[in-house]
Amino acid sequence: MGNVERCDKTLPANEMLFYVRRDPALRARWLTDLEGLAREFGLSRAEYEAIRDKDPKRLMDLGVHQYYVPQILRLFFGAAHNTNASAALECYKRAFPEETARALARQAALEGR
């Protein structure tokens, strides 16, 4: 799932996330005016939609740094309640169904189910 080698350092989404994570005013706008914020940072429509849709696979395919993908989900869902049933993990499960199925099968085998 990682994409360090595919990270696009010039991608506006990467720059936006760098600043949003550090600035309380930008974090507040993230939840109230994401489209306007994306426009100000020069995101493409594809970047904006992948963020809006909370789609880890599309984000990574576009070149968003893999470190920022969970940061994006935390901005939407918060950092508390990070369990196997969290909203953030559900986004990953939808984006990577085959990998999720393999991981769950391996976990079940390790637990002797």
PDB file of N, CA and C in Angstrom:
ATOM      1  N   MET A   1       0.805  -1.195   0.000  1.00  0.00           N
ATOM      2  CA  MET A   1       0.000   0.000   0.000  1.00  0.00           C
ATOM      3  C   MET A   1       0.850   1.263   0.000  1.00  0.00           C
ATOM      4  N   GLY A   2       2.087   1.184   0.472  1.00  0.00           N
ATOM      5  CA  GLY A   2       2.913   2.374   0.580  1.00  0.00           C
ATOM      6  C   GLY A   2       3.220   2.984  -0.776  1.00  0.00           C
ATOM      7  N   ASN A   3       3.545   4.250  -0.761  1.00  0.00           N
ATOM      8  CA  ASN A   3       3.806   4.923  -2.033  1.00  0.00           C
ATOM      9  C   ASN A   3       4.926   5.942  -1.952  1.00  0.00           C
ATOM     10  N   VAL A   4       5.875   5.752  -1.066  1.00  0.00           N
ATOM     11  CA  VAL A   4       6.940   6.744  -0.921  1.00  0.00           C
ATOM     12  C   VAL A   4       7.607   6.996  -2.263  1.00  0.00           C
ATOM     13  N   GLU A   5       7.847   5.940  -3.021  1.00  0.00           N
ATOM     14  CA  GLU A   5       8.503   6.108  -4.320  1.00  0.00           C
ATOM     15  C   GLU A   5       7.608   6.814  -5.337  1.00  0.00           C
ATOM     16  N   ARG A   6       6.296   6.836  -5.097  1.00  0.00           N
ATOM     17  CA  ARG A   6       5.368   7.498  -6.023  1.00  0.00           C
ATOM     18  C   ARG A   6       4.921   8.874  -5.528  1.00  0.00           C
ATOM     19  N   CYS A   7       5.426   9.299  -4.406  1.00  0.00           N
ATOM     20  CA  CYS A   7       5.036  10.600  -3.846  1.00  0.00           C
ATOM     21  C   CYS A   7       5.464  11.712  -4.791  1.00  0.00           C
ATOM     22  N   ASP A   8       4.526  12.611  -5.077  1.00  0.00           N
ATOM     23  CA  ASP A   8       4.806  13.762  -5.928  1.00  0.00           C
ATOM     24  C   ASP A   8       5.050  14.968  -5.024  1.00  0.00           C
ATOM     25  N   LYS A   9       6.306  15.325  -4.863  1.00  0.00           N
ATOM     26  CA  LYS A   9       6.664  16.411  -3.948  1.00  0.00           C
ATOM     27  C   LYS A   9       6.126  17.761  -4.394  1.00  0.00           C
ATOM     28  N   THR A  10       5.720  17.884  -5.657  1.00  0.00           N
ATOM     29  CA  THR A  10       5.182  19.147  -6.154  1.00  0.00           C
ATOM     30  C   THR A  10       3.654  19.191  -6.094  1.00  0.00           C
ATOM     31  N   LEU A  11       3.026  18.132  -5.631  1.00  0.00           N
ATOM     32  CA  LEU A  11       1.566  18.050  -5.595  1.00  0.00           C
ATOM     33  C   LEU A  11       1.000  19.065  -4.602  1.00  0.00           C
ATOM     34  N   PRO A  12       0.086  19.923  -5.044  1.00  0.00           N
ATOM     35  CA  PRO A  12      -0.489  20.914  -4.144  1.00  0.00           C
ATOM     36  C   PRO A  12      -1.132  20.310  -2.888  1.00  0.00           C
ATOM     37  N   ALA A  13      -1.698  19.124  -2.988  1.00  0.00           N
ATOM     38  CA  ALA A  13      -2.309  18.499  -1.814  1.00  0.00           C
ATOM     39  C   ALA A  13      -1.277  18.257  -0.720  1.00  0.00           C
ATOM     40  N   ASN A  14      -0.069  17.848  -1.097  1.00  0.00           N
ATOM     41  CA  ASN A  14       0.977  17.633  -0.095  1.00  0.00           C
ATOM     42  C   ASN A  14       1.330  18.936   0.612  1.00  0.00           C
ATOM     43  N   GLU A  15       1.440  20.012  -0.155  1.00  0.00           N
ATOM     44  CA  GLU A  15       1.742  21.308   0.455  1.00  0.00           C
ATOM     45  C   GLU A  15       0.597  21.746   1.377  1.00  0.00           C
ATOM     46  N   MET A  16      -0.632  21.588   0.909  1.00  0.00           N
ATOM     47  CA  MET A  16      -1.774  21.995   1.723  1.00  0.00           C
ATOM     48  C   MET A  16      -1.779  21.246   3.058  1.00  0.00           C
ATOM     49  N   LEU A  17      -1.553  19.940   3.015  1.00  0.00           N
ATOM     50  CA  LEU A  17      -1.567  19.158   4.252  1.00  0.00           C
ATOM     51  C   LEU A  17      -0.460  19.577   5.200  1.00  0.00           C
ATOM     52  N   PHE A  18       0.693  19.921   4.654  1.00  0.00           N
ATOM     53  CA  PHE A  18       1.795  20.383   5.490  1.00  0.00           C
ATOM     54  C   PHE A  18       1.339  21.565   6.348  1.00  0.00           C
ATOM     55  N   TYR A  19       0.649  22.512   5.733  1.00  0.00           N
ATOM     56  CA  TYR A  19       0.218  23.714   6.447  1.00  0.00           C
ATOM     57  C   TYR A  19      -1.035  23.502   7.290  1.00  0.00           C
ATOM     58  N   VAL A  20      -1.984  22.761   6.782  1.00  0.00           N
ATOM     59  CA  VAL A  20      -3.239  22.543   7.517  1.00  0.00           C
ATOM     60  C   VAL A  20      -2.979  21.858   8.851  1.00  0.00           C
ATOM     61  N   ARG A  21      -2.086  20.880   8.869  1.00  0.00           N
ATOM     62  CA  ARG A  21      -1.813  20.150  10.114  1.00  0.00           C
ATOM     63  C   ARG A  21      -1.251  21.060  11.204  1.00  0.00           C
ATOM     64  N   ARG A  22      -0.627  22.162  10.824  1.00  0.00           N
ATOM     65  CA  ARG A  22       0.053  23.037  11.785  1.00  0.00           C
ATOM     66  C   ARG A  22      -0.721  24.297  12.161  1.00  0.00           C
ATOM     67  N   ASP A  23      -1.806  24.567  11.470  1.00  0.00           N
ATOM     68  CA  ASP A  23      -2.490  25.846  11.643  1.00  0.00           C
ATOM     69  C   ASP A  23      -3.942  25.625  12.074  1.00  0.00           C
ATOM     70  N   PRO A  24      -4.293  26.015  13.301  1.00  0.00           N
ATOM     71  CA  PRO A  24      -5.657  25.800  13.796  1.00  0.00           C
ATOM     72  C   PRO A  24      -6.737  26.450  12.923  1.00  0.00           C
ATOM     73  N   ALA A  25      -6.457  27.616  12.363  1.00  0.00           N
ATOM     74  CA  ALA A  25      -7.454  28.286  11.515  1.00  0.00           C
ATOM     75  C   ALA A  25      -7.689  27.489  10.234  1.00  0.00           C
ATOM     76  N   LEU A  26      -6.619  26.959   9.656  1.00  0.00           N
ATOM     77  CA  LEU A  26      -6.772  26.143   8.455  1.00  0.00           C
ATOM     78  C   LEU A  26      -7.487  24.828   8.772  1.00  0.00           C
ATOM     79  N   ARG A  27      -7.198  24.255   9.941  1.00  0.00           N
ATOM     80  CA  ARG A  27      -7.897  23.025  10.337  1.00  0.00           C
ATOM     81  C   ARG A  27      -9.386  23.271  10.508  1.00  0.00           C
ATOM     82  N   ALA A  28      -9.756  24.423  11.028  1.00  0.00           N
ATOM     83  CA  ALA A  28     -11.177  24.752  11.174  1.00  0.00           C
ATOM     84  C   ALA A  28     -11.824  24.891   9.798  1.00  0.00           C
ATOM     85  N   ARG A  29     -11.138  25.527   8.883  1.00  0.00           N
ATOM     86  CA  ARG A  29     -11.671  25.680   7.523  1.00  0.00           C
ATOM     87  C   ARG A  29     -11.784  24.343   6.809  1.00  0.00           C
ATOM     88  N   TRP A  30     -10.921  23.408   7.163  1.00  0.00           N
ATOM     89  CA  TRP A  30     -10.962  22.070   6.565  1.00  0.00           C
ATOM     90  C   TRP A  30     -12.379  21.491   6.672  1.00  0.00           C
ATOM     91  N   LEU A  31     -13.005  21.697   7.811  1.00  0.00           N
ATOM     92  CA  LEU A  31     -14.334  21.129   8.046  1.00  0.00           C
ATOM     93  C   LEU A  31     -15.469  22.017   7.545  1.00  0.00           C
ATOM     94  N   THR A  32     -15.200  23.295   7.323  1.00  0.00           N
ATOM     95  CA  THR A  32     -16.275  24.209   6.928  1.00  0.00           C
ATOM     96  C   THR A  32     -16.172  24.691   5.480  1.00  0.00           C
ATOM     97  N   ASP A  33     -14.965  24.681   4.911  1.00  0.00           N
ATOM     98  CA  ASP A  33     -14.771  25.200   3.556  1.00  0.00           C
ATOM     99  C   ASP A  33     -13.638  24.461   2.854  1.00  0.00           C
ATOM    100  N   LEU A  34     -13.741  23.152   2.802  1.00  0.00           N
ATOM    101  CA  LEU A  34     -12.684  22.346   2.194  1.00  0.00           C
ATOM    102  C   LEU A  34     -12.474  22.722   0.731  1.00  0.00           C
ATOM    103  N   GLU A  35     -13.550  22.928   0.001  1.00  0.00           N
ATOM    104  CA  GLU A  35     -13.409  23.250  -1.414  1.00  0.00           C
ATOM    105  C   GLU A  35     -12.692  24.589  -1.608  1.00  0.00           C
ATOM    106  N   GLY A  36     -13.033  25.593  -0.816  1.00  0.00           N
ATOM    107  CA  GLY A  36     -12.365  26.885  -0.900  1.00  0.00           C
ATOM    108  C   GLY A  36     -10.890  26.778  -0.532  1.00  0.00           C
ATOM    109  N   LEU A  37     -10.605  26.018   0.494  1.00  0.00           N
ATOM    110  CA  LEU A  37      -9.223  25.798   0.927  1.00  0.00           C
ATOM    111  C   LEU A  37      -8.430  25.103  -0.183  1.00  0.00           C
ATOM    112  N   ALA A  38      -9.034  24.095  -0.786  1.00  0.00           N
ATOM    113  CA  ALA A  38      -8.372  23.380  -1.877  1.00  0.00           C
ATOM    114  C   ALA A  38      -8.102  24.320  -3.055  1.00  0.00           C
ATOM    115  N   ARG A  39      -9.047  25.175  -3.346  1.00  0.00           N
ATOM    116  CA  ARG A  39      -8.878  26.136  -4.437  1.00  0.00           C
ATOM    117  C   ARG A  39      -7.711  27.088  -4.144  1.00  0.00           C
ATOM    118  N   GLU A  40      -7.640  27.574  -2.899  1.00  0.00           N
ATOM    119  CA  GLU A  40      -6.559  28.504  -2.521  1.00  0.00           C
ATOM    120  C   GLU A  40      -5.178  27.877  -2.660  1.00  0.00           C
ATOM    121  N   PHE A  41      -5.078  26.572  -2.385  1.00  0.00           N
ATOM    122  CA  PHE A  41      -3.789  25.892  -2.488  1.00  0.00           C
ATOM    123  C   PHE A  41      -3.534  25.353  -3.895  1.00  0.00           C
ATOM    124  N   GLY A  42      -4.495  25.533  -4.808  1.00  0.00           N
ATOM    125  CA  GLY A  42      -4.299  25.128  -6.195  1.00  0.00           C
ATOM    126  C   GLY A  42      -4.469  23.647  -6.464  1.00  0.00           C
ATOM    127  N   LEU A  43      -5.270  22.957  -5.653  1.00  0.00           N
ATOM    128  CA  LEU A  43      -5.490  21.529  -5.883  1.00  0.00           C
ATOM    129  C   LEU A  43      -6.285  21.314  -7.165  1.00  0.00           C
ATOM    130  N   SER A  44      -5.988  20.224  -7.835  1.00  0.00           N
ATOM    131  CA  SER A  44      -6.784  19.832  -8.995  1.00  0.00           C
ATOM    132  C   SER A  44      -8.130  19.306  -8.500  1.00  0.00           C
ATOM    133  N   ARG A  45      -9.065  19.196  -9.408  1.00  0.00           N
ATOM    134  CA  ARG A  45     -10.380  18.644  -9.052  1.00  0.00           C
ATOM    135  C   ARG A  45     -10.216  17.218  -8.529  1.00  0.00           C
ATOM    136  N   ALA A  46      -9.331  16.435  -9.154  1.00  0.00           N
ATOM    137  CA  ALA A  46      -9.105  15.050  -8.723  1.00  0.00           C
ATOM    138  C   ALA A  46      -8.559  14.999  -7.294  1.00  0.00           C
ATOM    139  N   GLU A  47      -7.624  15.898  -6.972  1.00  0.00           N
ATOM    140  CA  GLU A  47      -7.079  15.936  -5.611  1.00  0.00           C
ATOM    141  C   GLU A  47      -8.182  16.279  -4.610  1.00  0.00           C
ATOM    142  N   TYR A  48      -8.936  17.336  -4.921  1.00  0.00           N
ATOM    143  CA  TYR A  48     -10.014  17.753  -4.024  1.00  0.00           C
ATOM    144  C   TYR A  48     -11.016  16.618  -3.813  1.00  0.00           C
ATOM    145  N   GLU A  49     -11.441  15.983  -4.887  1.00  0.00           N
ATOM    146  CA  GLU A  49     -12.446  14.924  -4.763  1.00  0.00           C
ATOM    147  C   GLU A  49     -11.928  13.717  -3.984  1.00  0.00           C
ATOM    148  N   ALA A  50     -10.673  13.364  -4.164  1.00  0.00           N
ATOM    149  CA  ALA A  50     -10.098  12.240  -3.412  1.00  0.00           C
ATOM    150  C   ALA A  50     -10.060  12.560  -1.926  1.00  0.00           C
ATOM    151  N   ILE A  51      -9.722  13.803  -1.587  1.00  0.00           N
ATOM    152  CA  ILE A  51      -9.727  14.215  -0.177  1.00  0.00           C
ATOM    153  C   ILE A  51     -11.151  14.249   0.341  1.00  0.00           C
ATOM    154  N   ARG A  52     -12.034  14.901  -0.386  1.00  0.00           N
ATOM    155  CA  ARG A  52     -13.440  15.008   0.033  1.00  0.00           C
ATOM    156  C   ARG A  52     -14.060  13.629   0.245  1.00  0.00           C
ATOM    157  N   ASP A  53     -13.719  12.689  -0.639  1.00  0.00           N
ATOM    158  CA  ASP A  53     -14.287  11.343  -0.577  1.00  0.00           C
ATOM    159  C   ASP A  53     -13.571  10.441   0.430  1.00  0.00           C
ATOM    160  N   LYS A  54     -12.506  10.958   1.025  1.00  0.00           N
ATOM    161  CA  LYS A  54     -11.740  10.202   2.020  1.00  0.00           C
ATOM    162  C   LYS A  54     -11.278   8.862   1.441  1.00  0.00           C
ATOM    163  N   ASP A  55     -10.654   8.922   0.271  1.00  0.00           N
ATOM    164  CA  ASP A  55     -10.272   7.722  -0.470  1.00  0.00           C
ATOM    165  C   ASP A  55      -8.753   7.532  -0.460  1.00  0.00           C
ATOM    166  N   PRO A  56      -8.238   6.710   0.453  1.00  0.00           N
ATOM    167  CA  PRO A  56      -6.785   6.527   0.563  1.00  0.00           C
ATOM    168  C   PRO A  56      -6.123   6.054  -0.724  1.00  0.00           C
ATOM    169  N   LYS A  57      -6.746   5.147  -1.443  1.00  0.00           N
ATOM    170  CA  LYS A  57      -6.124   4.621  -2.664  1.00  0.00           C
ATOM    171  C   LYS A  57      -5.979   5.710  -3.718  1.00  0.00           C
ATOM    172  N   ARG A  58      -7.034   6.455  -3.974  1.00  0.00           N
ATOM    173  CA  ARG A  58      -6.952   7.541  -4.959  1.00  0.00           C
ATOM    174  C   ARG A  58      -5.925   8.576  -4.534  1.00  0.00           C
ATOM    175  N   LEU A  59      -5.883   8.889  -3.237  1.00  0.00           N
ATOM    176  CA  LEU A  59      -4.904   9.861  -2.751  1.00  0.00           C
ATOM    177  C   LEU A  59      -3.488   9.388  -3.049  1.00  0.00           C
ATOM    178  N   MET A  60      -3.202   8.131  -2.734  1.00  0.00           N
ATOM    179  CA  MET A  60      -1.860   7.605  -2.984  1.00  0.00           C
ATOM    180  C   MET A  60      -1.572   7.526  -4.472  1.00  0.00           C
ATOM    181  N   ASP A  61      -2.573   7.126  -5.266  1.00  0.00           N
ATOM    182  CA  ASP A  61      -2.376   7.061  -6.716  1.00  0.00           C
ATOM    183  C   ASP A  61      -2.071   8.436  -7.310  1.00  0.00           C
ATOM    184  N   LEU A  62      -2.619   9.486  -6.713  1.00  0.00           N
ATOM    185  CA  LEU A  62      -2.358  10.851  -7.193  1.00  0.00           C
ATOM    186  C   LEU A  62      -0.969  11.354  -6.802  1.00  0.00           C
ATOM    187  N   GLY A  63      -0.358  10.729  -5.799  1.00  0.00           N
ATOM    188  CA  GLY A  63       0.964  11.160  -5.352  1.00  0.00           C
ATOM    189  C   GLY A  63       0.987  11.811  -3.992  1.00  0.00           C
ATOM    190  N   VAL A  64      -0.124  11.721  -3.242  1.00  0.00           N
ATOM    191  CA  VAL A  64      -0.123  12.227  -1.870  1.00  0.00           C
ATOM    192  C   VAL A  64       0.808  11.338  -1.051  1.00  0.00           C
ATOM    193  N   HIS A  65       1.651  11.941  -0.258  1.00  0.00           N
ATOM    194  CA  HIS A  65       2.601  11.178   0.554  1.00  0.00           C
ATOM    195  C   HIS A  65       1.831  10.279   1.521  1.00  0.00           C
ATOM    196  N   GLN A  66       2.300   9.044   1.639  1.00  0.00           N
ATOM    197  CA  GLN A  66       1.593   8.075   2.479  1.00  0.00           C
ATOM    198  C   GLN A  66       1.481   8.528   3.934  1.00  0.00           C
ATOM    199  N   TYR A  67       2.359   9.370   4.414  1.00  0.00           N
ATOM    200  CA  TYR A  67       2.262   9.896   5.771  1.00  0.00           C
ATOM    201  C   TYR A  67       1.046  10.806   5.916  1.00  0.00           C
ATOM    202  N   TYR A  68       0.711  11.525   4.834  1.00  0.00           N
ATOM    203  CA  TYR A  68      -0.402  12.466   4.908  1.00  0.00           C
ATOM    204  C   TYR A  68      -1.773  11.809   4.813  1.00  0.00           C
ATOM    205  N   VAL A  69      -1.855  10.620   4.245  1.00  0.00           N
ATOM    206  CA  VAL A  69      -3.163   9.982   4.082  1.00  0.00           C
ATOM    207  C   VAL A  69      -3.851   9.758   5.433  1.00  0.00           C
ATOM    208  N   PRO A  70      -3.197   9.150   6.427  1.00  0.00           N
ATOM    209  CA  PRO A  70      -3.868   9.035   7.720  1.00  0.00           C
ATOM    210  C   PRO A  70      -4.098  10.395   8.389  1.00  0.00           C
ATOM    211  N   GLN A  71      -3.226  11.359   8.090  1.00  0.00           N
ATOM    212  CA  GLN A  71      -3.432  12.706   8.630  1.00  0.00           C
ATOM    213  C   GLN A  71      -4.732  13.300   8.083  1.00  0.00           C
ATOM    214  N   ILE A  72      -4.990  13.065   6.800  1.00  0.00           N
ATOM    215  CA  ILE A  72      -6.229  13.544   6.179  1.00  0.00           C
ATOM    216  C   ILE A  72      -7.430  12.937   6.897  1.00  0.00           C
ATOM    217  N   LEU A  73      -7.379  11.638   7.136  1.00  0.00           N
ATOM    218  CA  LEU A  73      -8.507  10.976   7.796  1.00  0.00           C
ATOM    219  C   LEU A  73      -8.676  11.475   9.229  1.00  0.00           C
ATOM    220  N   ARG A  74      -7.576  11.759   9.924  1.00  0.00           N
ATOM    221  CA  ARG A  74      -7.675  12.314  11.282  1.00  0.00           C
ATOM    222  C   ARG A  74      -8.325  13.692  11.269  1.00  0.00           C
ATOM    223  N   LEU A  75      -8.050  14.475  10.226  1.00  0.00           N
ATOM    224  CA  LEU A  75      -8.677  15.791  10.140  1.00  0.00           C
ATOM    225  C   LEU A  75     -10.197  15.666  10.016  1.00  0.00           C
ATOM    226  N   PHE A  76     -10.664  14.624   9.377  1.00  0.00           N
ATOM    227  CA  PHE A  76     -12.103  14.393   9.253  1.00  0.00           C
ATOM    228  C   PHE A  76     -12.698  13.722  10.485  1.00  0.00           C
ATOM    229  N   PHE A  77     -12.011  12.701  11.000  1.00  0.00           N
ATOM    230  CA  PHE A  77     -12.591  11.844  12.036  1.00  0.00           C
ATOM    231  C   PHE A  77     -12.017  12.038  13.427  1.00  0.00           C
ATOM    232  N   GLY A  78     -10.946  12.793  13.570  1.00  0.00           N
ATOM    233  CA  GLY A  78     -10.283  12.938  14.856  1.00  0.00           C
ATOM    234  C   GLY A  78      -9.296  11.803  15.078  1.00  0.00           C
ATOM    235  N   ALA A  79      -8.576  11.875  16.173  1.00  0.00           N
ATOM    236  CA  ALA A  79      -7.539  10.880  16.459  1.00  0.00           C
ATOM    237  C   ALA A  79      -7.957   9.895  17.540  1.00  0.00           C
ATOM    238  N   ALA A  80      -9.099  10.138  18.159  1.00  0.00           N
ATOM    239  CA  ALA A  80      -9.561   9.226  19.213  1.00  0.00           C
ATOM    240  C   ALA A  80     -10.272   8.027  18.587  1.00  0.00           C
ATOM    241  N   HIS A  81     -10.433   7.011  19.350  1.00  0.00           N
ATOM    242  CA  HIS A  81     -11.179   5.815  18.943  1.00  0.00           C
ATOM    243  C   HIS A  81     -10.582   5.140  17.714  1.00  0.00           C
ATOM    244  N   ASN A  82      -9.260   5.100  17.637  1.00  0.00           N
ATOM    245  CA  ASN A  82      -8.606   4.409  16.527  1.00  0.00           C
ATOM    246  C   ASN A  82      -8.568   2.921  16.820  1.00  0.00           C
ATOM    247  N   THR A  83      -9.666   2.269  16.506  1.00  0.00           N
ATOM    248  CA  THR A  83      -9.793   0.834  16.736  1.00  0.00           C
ATOM    249  C   THR A  83      -9.995   0.147  15.391  1.00  0.00           C
ATOM    250  N   ASN A  84     -10.162  -1.162  15.423  1.00  0.00           N
ATOM    251  CA  ASN A  84     -10.425  -1.899  14.190  1.00  0.00           C
ATOM    252  C   ASN A  84     -11.800  -1.598  13.609  1.00  0.00           C
ATOM    253  N   ALA A  85     -12.594  -0.824  14.321  1.00  0.00           N
ATOM    254  CA  ALA A  85     -13.914  -0.437  13.819  1.00  0.00           C
ATOM    255  C   ALA A  85     -14.009   1.072  13.585  1.00  0.00           C
ATOM    256  N   SER A  86     -12.874   1.762  13.546  1.00  0.00           N
ATOM    257  CA  SER A  86     -12.899   3.214  13.402  1.00  0.00           C
ATOM    258  C   SER A  86     -13.319   3.621  11.993  1.00  0.00           C
ATOM    259  N   ALA A  87     -13.845   4.824  11.878  1.00  0.00           N
ATOM    260  CA  ALA A  87     -14.252   5.352  10.575  1.00  0.00           C
ATOM    261  C   ALA A  87     -13.050   5.463   9.637  1.00  0.00           C
ATOM    262  N   ALA A  88     -11.898   5.837  10.168  1.00  0.00           N
ATOM    263  CA  ALA A  88     -10.700   5.955   9.337  1.00  0.00           C
ATOM    264  C   ALA A  88     -10.298   4.595   8.770  1.00  0.00           C
ATOM    265  N   LEU A  89     -10.324   3.569   9.595  1.00  0.00           N
ATOM    266  CA  LEU A  89      -9.962   2.231   9.115  1.00  0.00           C
ATOM    267  C   LEU A  89     -10.971   1.737   8.089  1.00  0.00           C
ATOM    268  N   GLU A  90     -12.221   2.091   8.247  1.00  0.00           N
ATOM    269  CA  GLU A  90     -13.234   1.699   7.263  1.00  0.00           C
ATOM    270  C   GLU A  90     -12.910   2.294   5.888  1.00  0.00           C
ATOM    271  N   CYS A  91     -12.359   3.498   5.859  1.00  0.00           N
ATOM    272  CA  CYS A  91     -11.944   4.099   4.587  1.00  0.00           C
ATOM    273  C   CYS A  91     -10.866   3.258   3.912  1.00  0.00           C
ATOM    274  N   TYR A  92      -9.899   2.800   4.693  1.00  0.00           N
ATOM    275  CA  TYR A  92      -8.847   1.939   4.155  1.00  0.00           C
ATOM    276  C   TYR A  92      -9.427   0.613   3.676  1.00  0.00           C
ATOM    277  N   LYS A  93     -10.351   0.043   4.439  1.00  0.00           N
ATOM    278  CA  LYS A  93     -10.959  -1.233   4.045  1.00  0.00           C
ATOM    279  C   LYS A  93     -11.674  -1.114   2.710  1.00  0.00           C
ATOM    280  N   ARG A  94     -12.395  -0.019   2.501  1.00  0.00           N
ATOM    281  CA  ARG A  94     -13.092   0.190   1.229  1.00  0.00           C
ATOM    282  C   ARG A  94     -12.098   0.412   0.089  1.00  0.00           C
ATOM    283  N   ALA A  95     -11.018   1.132   0.368  1.00  0.00           N
ATOM    284  CA  ALA A  95     -10.039   1.448  -0.665  1.00  0.00           C
ATOM    285  C   ALA A  95      -9.178   0.249  -1.042  1.00  0.00           C
ATOM    286  N   PHE A  96      -8.951  -0.645  -0.104  1.00  0.00           N
ATOM    287  CA  PHE A  96      -8.071  -1.791  -0.315  1.00  0.00           C
ATOM    288  C   PHE A  96      -8.769  -3.085   0.102  1.00  0.00           C
ATOM    289  N   PRO A  97      -9.840  -3.481  -0.594  1.00  0.00           N
ATOM    290  CA  PRO A  97     -10.603  -4.659  -0.156  1.00  0.00           C
ATOM    291  C   PRO A  97      -9.807  -5.962  -0.205  1.00  0.00           C
ATOM    292  N   GLU A  98      -8.994  -6.165  -1.225  1.00  0.00           N
ATOM    293  CA  GLU A  98      -8.228  -7.412  -1.327  1.00  0.00           C
ATOM    294  C   GLU A  98      -7.191  -7.516  -0.219  1.00  0.00           C
ATOM    295  N   GLU A  99      -6.478  -6.422   0.012  1.00  0.00           N
ATOM    296  CA  GLU A  99      -5.469  -6.421   1.067  1.00  0.00           C
ATOM    297  C   GLU A  99      -6.118  -6.628   2.434  1.00  0.00           C
ATOM    298  N   THR A 100      -7.290  -6.028   2.623  1.00  0.00           N
ATOM    299  CA  THR A 100      -8.018  -6.180   3.889  1.00  0.00           C
ATOM    300  C   THR A 100      -8.421  -7.631   4.087  1.00  0.00           C
ATOM    301  N   ALA A 101      -8.953  -8.254   3.053  1.00  0.00           N
ATOM    302  CA  ALA A 101      -9.379  -9.659   3.159  1.00  0.00           C
ATOM    303  C   ALA A 101      -8.194 -10.557   3.506  1.00  0.00           C
ATOM    304  N   ARG A 102      -7.054 -10.317   2.864  1.00  0.00           N
ATOM    305  CA  ARG A 102      -5.862 -11.127   3.174  1.00  0.00           C
ATOM    306  C   ARG A 102      -5.409 -10.914   4.618  1.00  0.00           C
ATOM    307  N   ALA A 103      -5.418  -9.667   5.057  1.00  0.00           N
ATOM    308  CA  ALA A 103      -4.980  -9.372   6.426  1.00  0.00           C
ATOM    309  C   ALA A 103      -5.917 -10.000   7.447  1.00  0.00           C
ATOM    310  N   LEU A 104      -7.222  -9.928   7.201  1.00  0.00           N
ATOM    311  CA  LEU A 104      -8.181 -10.526   8.135  1.00  0.00           C
ATOM    312  C   LEU A 104      -8.068 -12.038   8.146  1.00  0.00           C
ATOM    313  N   ALA A 105      -7.828 -12.648   6.995  1.00  0.00           N
ATOM    314  CA  ALA A 105      -7.646 -14.102   6.933  1.00  0.00           C
ATOM    315  C   ALA A 105      -6.384 -14.515   7.682  1.00  0.00           C
ATOM    316  N   ARG A 106      -5.339 -13.749   7.511  1.00  0.00           N
ATOM    317  CA  ARG A 106      -4.088 -14.068   8.227  1.00  0.00           C
ATOM    318  C   ARG A 106      -4.263 -13.915   9.736  1.00  0.00           C
ATOM    319  N   GLN A 107      -4.962 -12.843  10.142  1.00  0.00           N
ATOM    320  CA  GLN A 107      -5.213 -12.640  11.568  1.00  0.00           C
ATOM    321  C   GLN A 107      -6.022 -13.806  12.137  1.00  0.00           C
ATOM    322  N   ALA A 108      -7.033 -14.234  11.424  1.00  0.00           N
ATOM    323  CA  ALA A 108      -7.860 -15.355  11.879  1.00  0.00           C
ATOM    324  C   ALA A 108      -7.024 -16.636  11.984  1.00  0.00           C
ATOM    325  N   ALA A 109      -6.139 -16.860  11.014  1.00  0.00           N
ATOM    326  CA  ALA A 109      -5.285 -18.043  11.061  1.00  0.00           C
ATOM    327  C   ALA A 109      -4.330 -18.000  12.243  1.00  0.00           C
ATOM    328  N   LEU A 110      -3.782 -16.822  12.506  1.00  0.00           N
ATOM    329  CA  LEU A 110      -2.871 -16.675  13.641  1.00  0.00           C
ATOM    330  C   LEU A 110      -3.582 -16.872  14.967  1.00  0.00           C
ATOM    331  N   GLU A 111      -4.854 -16.502  15.015  1.00  0.00           N
ATOM    332  CA  GLU A 111      -5.640 -16.660  16.242  1.00  0.00           C
ATOM    333  C   GLU A 111      -6.244 -18.046  16.348  1.00  0.00           C
ATOM    334  N   GLY A 112      -6.002 -18.888  15.332  1.00  0.00           N
ATOM    335  CA  GLY A 112      -6.480 -20.266  15.369  1.00  0.00           C
ATOM    336  C   GLY A 112      -7.968 -20.433  15.146  1.00  0.00           C
ATOM    337  N   ARG A 113      -8.559 -19.547  14.419  1.00  0.00           N
ATOM    338  CA  ARG A 113      -9.996 -19.666  14.146  1.00  0.00           C
ATOM    339  C   ARG A 113     -10.270 -20.690  13.090  1.00  0.00           C
TER     340      ARG A 113
END
